Amino acid sequence: MKEFDNKIKSHVKANMSKIEDETFTSRLVARYLLTRKEKVKKVFFNFEALIFWIVAVLISIALLTVKLINETVFFEIQLKHCLILTSLTLTALIYKWLEKIYCV
């Protein structure tokens, strides 16, 4: 078996030749990196959008609470408008939260 291995090694060494293309290695590495599809690292959580929507939900809930407790607010607003505002901001907050979880 060793004789056969030595024979193969000598035959391979005899048939080896230097590659004349100097950019061969860089092209080979570039092609390998393209096919490897390396994962792009992202920031896990960007809290700016979430903080904005949390604050918006808190403000709308506070406005709804003030409207329920006292009929007069700084400006004229109806209860149904407060409920719509709260539901919209809460929906947007849930959407952003789910987007951060599943789109990372």
N, C-alpha and C. Protein backbone atom coordinates (compact mmCIF):
# COMPACT_ATOMS: atom_id res chain seq x y z
N MET A 1 0.82 -1.18 0.00
CA MET A 1 0.00 0.00 0.00
C MET A 1 0.86 1.25 0.00
N LYS A 2 1.97 1.22 0.75
CA LYS A 2 2.85 2.39 0.79
C LYS A 2 3.49 2.64 -0.56
N GLU A 3 3.82 1.60 -1.26
CA GLU A 3 4.42 1.77 -2.58
C GLU A 3 3.44 2.42 -3.52
N PHE A 4 2.19 1.99 -3.42
CA PHE A 4 1.15 2.57 -4.27
C PHE A 4 0.94 4.05 -3.94
N ASP A 5 0.93 4.38 -2.61
CA ASP A 5 0.79 5.79 -2.19
C ASP A 5 1.97 6.62 -2.67
N ASN A 6 3.15 6.09 -2.56
CA ASN A 6 4.35 6.82 -3.02
C ASN A 6 4.31 7.02 -4.53
N LYS A 7 3.83 6.01 -5.24
CA LYS A 7 3.73 6.12 -6.69
C LYS A 7 2.74 7.23 -7.07
N ILE A 8 1.61 7.29 -6.36
CA ILE A 8 0.61 8.34 -6.63
C ILE A 8 1.20 9.71 -6.30
N LYS A 9 1.89 9.83 -5.18
CA LYS A 9 2.49 11.11 -4.79
C LYS A 9 3.51 11.57 -5.82
N SER A 10 4.34 10.67 -6.26
CA SER A 10 5.35 11.06 -7.25
C SER A 10 4.70 11.44 -8.58
N HIS A 11 3.65 10.74 -8.96
CA HIS A 11 2.95 11.06 -10.21
C HIS A 11 2.27 12.44 -10.11
N VAL A 12 1.66 12.71 -8.96
CA VAL A 12 1.01 14.02 -8.76
C VAL A 12 2.05 15.13 -8.77
N LYS A 13 3.19 14.92 -8.09
CA LYS A 13 4.25 15.94 -8.06
C LYS A 13 4.82 16.19 -9.46
N ALA A 14 4.90 15.15 -10.23
CA ALA A 14 5.42 15.31 -11.59
C ALA A 14 4.46 16.09 -12.47
N ASN A 15 3.18 15.93 -12.24
CA ASN A 15 2.19 16.62 -13.07
C ASN A 15 1.82 18.01 -12.56
N MET A 16 2.35 18.40 -11.42
CA MET A 16 2.05 19.73 -10.89
C MET A 16 2.75 20.79 -11.71
N SER A 17 2.05 21.88 -11.91
CA SER A 17 2.67 23.01 -12.60
C SER A 17 2.19 24.29 -11.94
N LYS A 18 2.96 25.33 -12.05
CA LYS A 18 2.62 26.59 -11.43
C LYS A 18 1.53 27.27 -12.26
N ILE A 19 0.54 27.84 -11.56
CA ILE A 19 -0.52 28.56 -12.24
C ILE A 19 0.01 29.95 -12.57
N GLU A 20 -0.11 30.32 -13.81
CA GLU A 20 0.43 31.60 -14.27
C GLU A 20 -0.45 32.78 -13.90
N ASP A 21 -1.73 32.56 -13.64
CA ASP A 21 -2.65 33.63 -13.31
C ASP A 21 -2.44 34.06 -11.86
N GLU A 22 -2.03 35.31 -11.65
CA GLU A 22 -1.75 35.78 -10.30
C GLU A 22 -3.01 36.13 -9.53
N THR A 23 -4.12 36.33 -10.20
CA THR A 23 -5.37 36.67 -9.52
C THR A 23 -6.22 35.43 -9.23
N PHE A 24 -5.66 34.26 -9.51
CA PHE A 24 -6.42 33.02 -9.34
C PHE A 24 -6.88 32.84 -7.89
N THR A 25 -5.99 33.05 -6.95
CA THR A 25 -6.32 32.83 -5.54
C THR A 25 -7.39 33.81 -5.08
N SER A 26 -7.26 35.07 -5.45
CA SER A 26 -8.25 36.06 -5.01
C SER A 26 -9.62 35.77 -5.63
N ARG A 27 -9.65 35.34 -6.89
CA ARG A 27 -10.92 35.00 -7.52
C ARG A 27 -11.54 33.77 -6.86
N LEU A 28 -10.70 32.81 -6.53
CA LEU A 28 -11.19 31.59 -5.88
C LEU A 28 -11.77 31.91 -4.50
N VAL A 29 -11.09 32.75 -3.75
CA VAL A 29 -11.58 33.13 -2.42
C VAL A 29 -12.87 33.94 -2.54
N ALA A 30 -12.93 34.86 -3.50
CA ALA A 30 -14.14 35.66 -3.70
C ALA A 30 -15.33 34.78 -4.08
N ARG A 31 -15.11 33.81 -4.94
CA ARG A 31 -16.18 32.90 -5.34
C ARG A 31 -16.64 32.05 -4.15
N TYR A 32 -15.68 31.63 -3.34
CA TYR A 32 -16.03 30.85 -2.16
C TYR A 32 -16.87 31.67 -1.19
N LEU A 33 -16.49 32.93 -0.98
CA LEU A 33 -17.25 33.78 -0.06
C LEU A 33 -18.64 34.08 -0.59
N LEU A 34 -18.79 34.18 -1.90
CA LEU A 34 -20.12 34.40 -2.48
C LEU A 34 -21.02 33.19 -2.30
N THR A 35 -20.47 32.01 -2.47
CA THR A 35 -21.28 30.81 -2.33
C THR A 35 -21.51 30.42 -0.87
N ARG A 36 -20.71 30.93 0.00
CA ARG A 36 -20.83 30.59 1.41
C ARG A 36 -22.06 31.23 2.04
N LYS A 37 -22.48 32.36 1.52
CA LYS A 37 -23.64 33.10 2.01
C LYS A 37 -23.55 33.34 3.51
N GLU A 38 -22.54 34.08 3.87
CA GLU A 38 -22.32 34.37 5.27
C GLU A 38 -23.44 35.24 5.82
N LYS A 39 -23.89 34.95 7.02
CA LYS A 39 -24.98 35.70 7.62
C LYS A 39 -24.51 37.11 7.96
N VAL A 40 -25.39 38.05 7.68
CA VAL A 40 -25.09 39.43 8.02
C VAL A 40 -25.50 39.65 9.47
N LYS A 41 -24.59 40.21 10.23
CA LYS A 41 -24.90 40.44 11.64
C LYS A 41 -25.69 41.73 11.75
N LYS A 42 -26.81 41.64 12.47
CA LYS A 42 -27.67 42.79 12.69
C LYS A 42 -27.71 43.09 14.18
N VAL A 43 -28.09 44.31 14.47
CA VAL A 43 -28.33 44.66 15.86
C VAL A 43 -29.59 43.92 16.29
N PHE A 44 -29.51 43.24 17.43
CA PHE A 44 -30.62 42.39 17.84
C PHE A 44 -31.89 43.20 18.09
N PHE A 45 -31.79 44.26 18.83
CA PHE A 45 -32.95 45.07 19.12
C PHE A 45 -32.60 46.54 18.96
N ASN A 46 -33.34 47.22 18.13
CA ASN A 46 -33.24 48.66 18.02
C ASN A 46 -34.47 49.20 18.74
N PHE A 47 -34.25 49.77 19.90
CA PHE A 47 -35.37 50.13 20.77
C PHE A 47 -36.03 51.45 20.42
N GLU A 48 -35.50 52.21 19.46
CA GLU A 48 -36.04 53.54 19.20
C GLU A 48 -37.51 53.49 18.79
N ALA A 49 -37.85 52.63 17.84
CA ALA A 49 -39.24 52.54 17.39
C ALA A 49 -40.14 51.99 18.49
N LEU A 50 -39.64 51.01 19.21
CA LEU A 50 -40.45 50.44 20.29
C LEU A 50 -40.71 51.47 21.40
N ILE A 51 -39.69 52.24 21.75
CA ILE A 51 -39.86 53.26 22.78
C ILE A 51 -40.88 54.31 22.32
N PHE A 52 -40.79 54.71 21.07
CA PHE A 52 -41.75 55.68 20.53
C PHE A 52 -43.17 55.17 20.66
N TRP A 53 -43.42 53.92 20.27
CA TRP A 53 -44.78 53.39 20.31
C TRP A 53 -45.23 53.10 21.74
N ILE A 54 -44.32 52.75 22.63
CA ILE A 54 -44.70 52.58 24.04
C ILE A 54 -45.15 53.90 24.63
N VAL A 55 -44.41 54.96 24.33
CA VAL A 55 -44.79 56.29 24.82
C VAL A 55 -46.12 56.72 24.21
N ALA A 56 -46.32 56.44 22.92
CA ALA A 56 -47.59 56.80 22.28
C ALA A 56 -48.76 56.05 22.91
N VAL A 57 -48.57 54.77 23.24
CA VAL A 57 -49.63 54.00 23.90
C VAL A 57 -49.90 54.55 25.29
N LEU A 58 -48.86 54.88 26.02
CA LEU A 58 -49.05 55.43 27.37
C LEU A 58 -49.79 56.77 27.32
N ILE A 59 -49.45 57.62 26.37
CA ILE A 59 -50.14 58.91 26.24
C ILE A 59 -51.60 58.71 25.88
N SER A 60 -51.87 57.80 24.95
CA SER A 60 -53.27 57.58 24.56
C SER A 60 -54.07 56.95 25.70
N ILE A 61 -53.46 56.06 26.48
CA ILE A 61 -54.16 55.47 27.63
C ILE A 61 -54.40 56.54 28.69
N ALA A 62 -53.43 57.41 28.90
CA ALA A 62 -53.61 58.50 29.86
C ALA A 62 -54.74 59.44 29.42
N LEU A 63 -54.78 59.75 28.14
CA LEU A 63 -55.85 60.60 27.61
C LEU A 63 -57.21 59.93 27.77
N LEU A 64 -57.25 58.63 27.51
CA LEU A 64 -58.50 57.88 27.68
C LEU A 64 -58.93 57.86 29.14
N THR A 65 -57.98 57.68 30.05
CA THR A 65 -58.29 57.65 31.48
C THR A 65 -58.80 59.00 31.96
N VAL A 66 -58.15 60.07 31.51
CA VAL A 66 -58.59 61.41 31.89
C VAL A 66 -59.99 61.67 31.35
N LYS A 67 -60.24 61.23 30.15
CA LYS A 67 -61.57 61.43 29.55
C LYS A 67 -62.64 60.63 30.30
N LEU A 68 -62.30 59.42 30.76
CA LEU A 68 -63.27 58.61 31.50
C LEU A 68 -63.54 59.19 32.89
N ILE A 69 -62.51 59.71 33.54
CA ILE A 69 -62.67 60.25 34.89
C ILE A 69 -63.36 61.61 34.85
N ASN A 70 -62.90 62.46 33.98
CA ASN A 70 -63.40 63.82 33.93
C ASN A 70 -63.87 64.11 32.51
N GLU A 71 -65.00 64.74 32.37
CA GLU A 71 -65.54 65.02 31.05
C GLU A 71 -64.79 66.14 30.33
N THR A 72 -64.15 67.02 31.04
CA THR A 72 -63.47 68.13 30.38
C THR A 72 -61.98 67.85 30.29
N VAL A 73 -61.48 67.89 29.10
CA VAL A 73 -60.06 67.75 28.85
C VAL A 73 -59.60 69.09 28.29
N PHE A 74 -58.32 69.28 28.13
CA PHE A 74 -57.78 70.55 27.64
C PHE A 74 -58.41 70.96 26.31
N PHE A 75 -58.78 70.01 25.53
CA PHE A 75 -59.44 70.29 24.26
C PHE A 75 -60.61 69.32 24.12
N GLU A 76 -61.50 69.63 23.24
CA GLU A 76 -62.71 68.82 23.08
C GLU A 76 -62.38 67.55 22.30
N ILE A 77 -62.59 66.41 22.93
CA ILE A 77 -62.38 65.12 22.29
C ILE A 77 -63.43 64.15 22.79
N GLN A 78 -63.91 63.33 21.93
CA GLN A 78 -64.95 62.38 22.31
C GLN A 78 -64.31 61.07 22.76
N LEU A 79 -65.09 60.30 23.49
CA LEU A 79 -64.60 59.04 24.03
C LEU A 79 -64.27 58.05 22.92
N LYS A 80 -65.06 58.03 21.86
CA LYS A 80 -64.79 57.10 20.77
C LYS A 80 -63.46 57.42 20.07
N HIS A 81 -63.12 58.72 20.01
CA HIS A 81 -61.84 59.10 19.42
C HIS A 81 -60.67 58.64 20.29
N CYS A 82 -60.84 58.71 21.60
CA CYS A 82 -59.81 58.22 22.52
C CYS A 82 -59.62 56.71 22.37
N LEU A 83 -60.73 55.99 22.23
CA LEU A 83 -60.64 54.54 22.05
C LEU A 83 -59.97 54.17 20.72
N ILE A 84 -60.29 54.90 19.67
CA ILE A 84 -59.66 54.65 18.37
C ILE A 84 -58.17 54.94 18.44
N LEU A 85 -57.80 56.05 19.08
CA LEU A 85 -56.39 56.39 19.21
C LEU A 85 -55.63 55.34 20.01
N THR A 86 -56.23 54.87 21.08
CA THR A 86 -55.59 53.83 21.90
C THR A 86 -55.44 52.53 21.12
N SER A 87 -56.47 52.14 20.41
CA SER A 87 -56.39 50.89 19.66
C SER A 87 -55.37 50.97 18.52
N LEU A 88 -55.30 52.12 17.85
CA LEU A 88 -54.32 52.27 16.77
C LEU A 88 -52.88 52.24 17.28
N THR A 89 -52.63 52.96 18.37
CA THR A 89 -51.26 52.96 18.90
C THR A 89 -50.89 51.59 19.47
N LEU A 90 -51.85 50.92 20.09
CA LEU A 90 -51.57 49.59 20.61
C LEU A 90 -51.31 48.60 19.49
N THR A 91 -52.06 48.71 18.41
CA THR A 91 -51.84 47.85 17.24
C THR A 91 -50.46 48.10 16.63
N ALA A 92 -50.08 49.37 16.53
CA ALA A 92 -48.76 49.70 15.97
C ALA A 92 -47.64 49.18 16.88
N LEU A 93 -47.83 49.28 18.18
CA LEU A 93 -46.83 48.77 19.13
C LEU A 93 -46.68 47.26 18.99
N ILE A 94 -47.79 46.55 18.90
CA ILE A 94 -47.73 45.10 18.75
C ILE A 94 -47.06 44.73 17.43
N TYR A 95 -47.38 45.46 16.37
CA TYR A 95 -46.76 45.21 15.06
C TYR A 95 -45.25 45.40 15.12
N LYS A 96 -44.80 46.50 15.72
CA LYS A 96 -43.35 46.76 15.82
C LYS A 96 -42.67 45.71 16.69
N TRP A 97 -43.34 45.30 17.75
CA TRP A 97 -42.77 44.29 18.64
C TRP A 97 -42.61 42.97 17.91
N LEU A 98 -43.64 42.55 17.16
CA LEU A 98 -43.56 41.31 16.39
C LEU A 98 -42.54 41.41 15.27
N GLU A 99 -42.43 42.59 14.67
CA GLU A 99 -41.44 42.81 13.62
C GLU A 99 -40.03 42.65 14.17
N LYS A 100 -39.78 43.14 15.36
CA LYS A 100 -38.46 43.01 15.98
C LYS A 100 -38.16 41.57 16.33
N ILE A 101 -39.17 40.81 16.70
CA ILE A 101 -38.94 39.42 17.08
C ILE A 101 -38.68 38.55 15.86
N TYR A 102 -39.53 38.66 14.85
CA TYR A 102 -39.49 37.72 13.73
C TYR A 102 -38.65 38.18 12.54
N CYS A 103 -38.23 39.42 12.49
CA CYS A 103 -37.45 39.91 11.34
C CYS A 103 -36.00 40.16 11.68
N VAL A 104 -35.50 39.49 12.67
CA VAL A 104 -34.09 39.68 13.05
C VAL A 104 -33.22 38.83 12.20
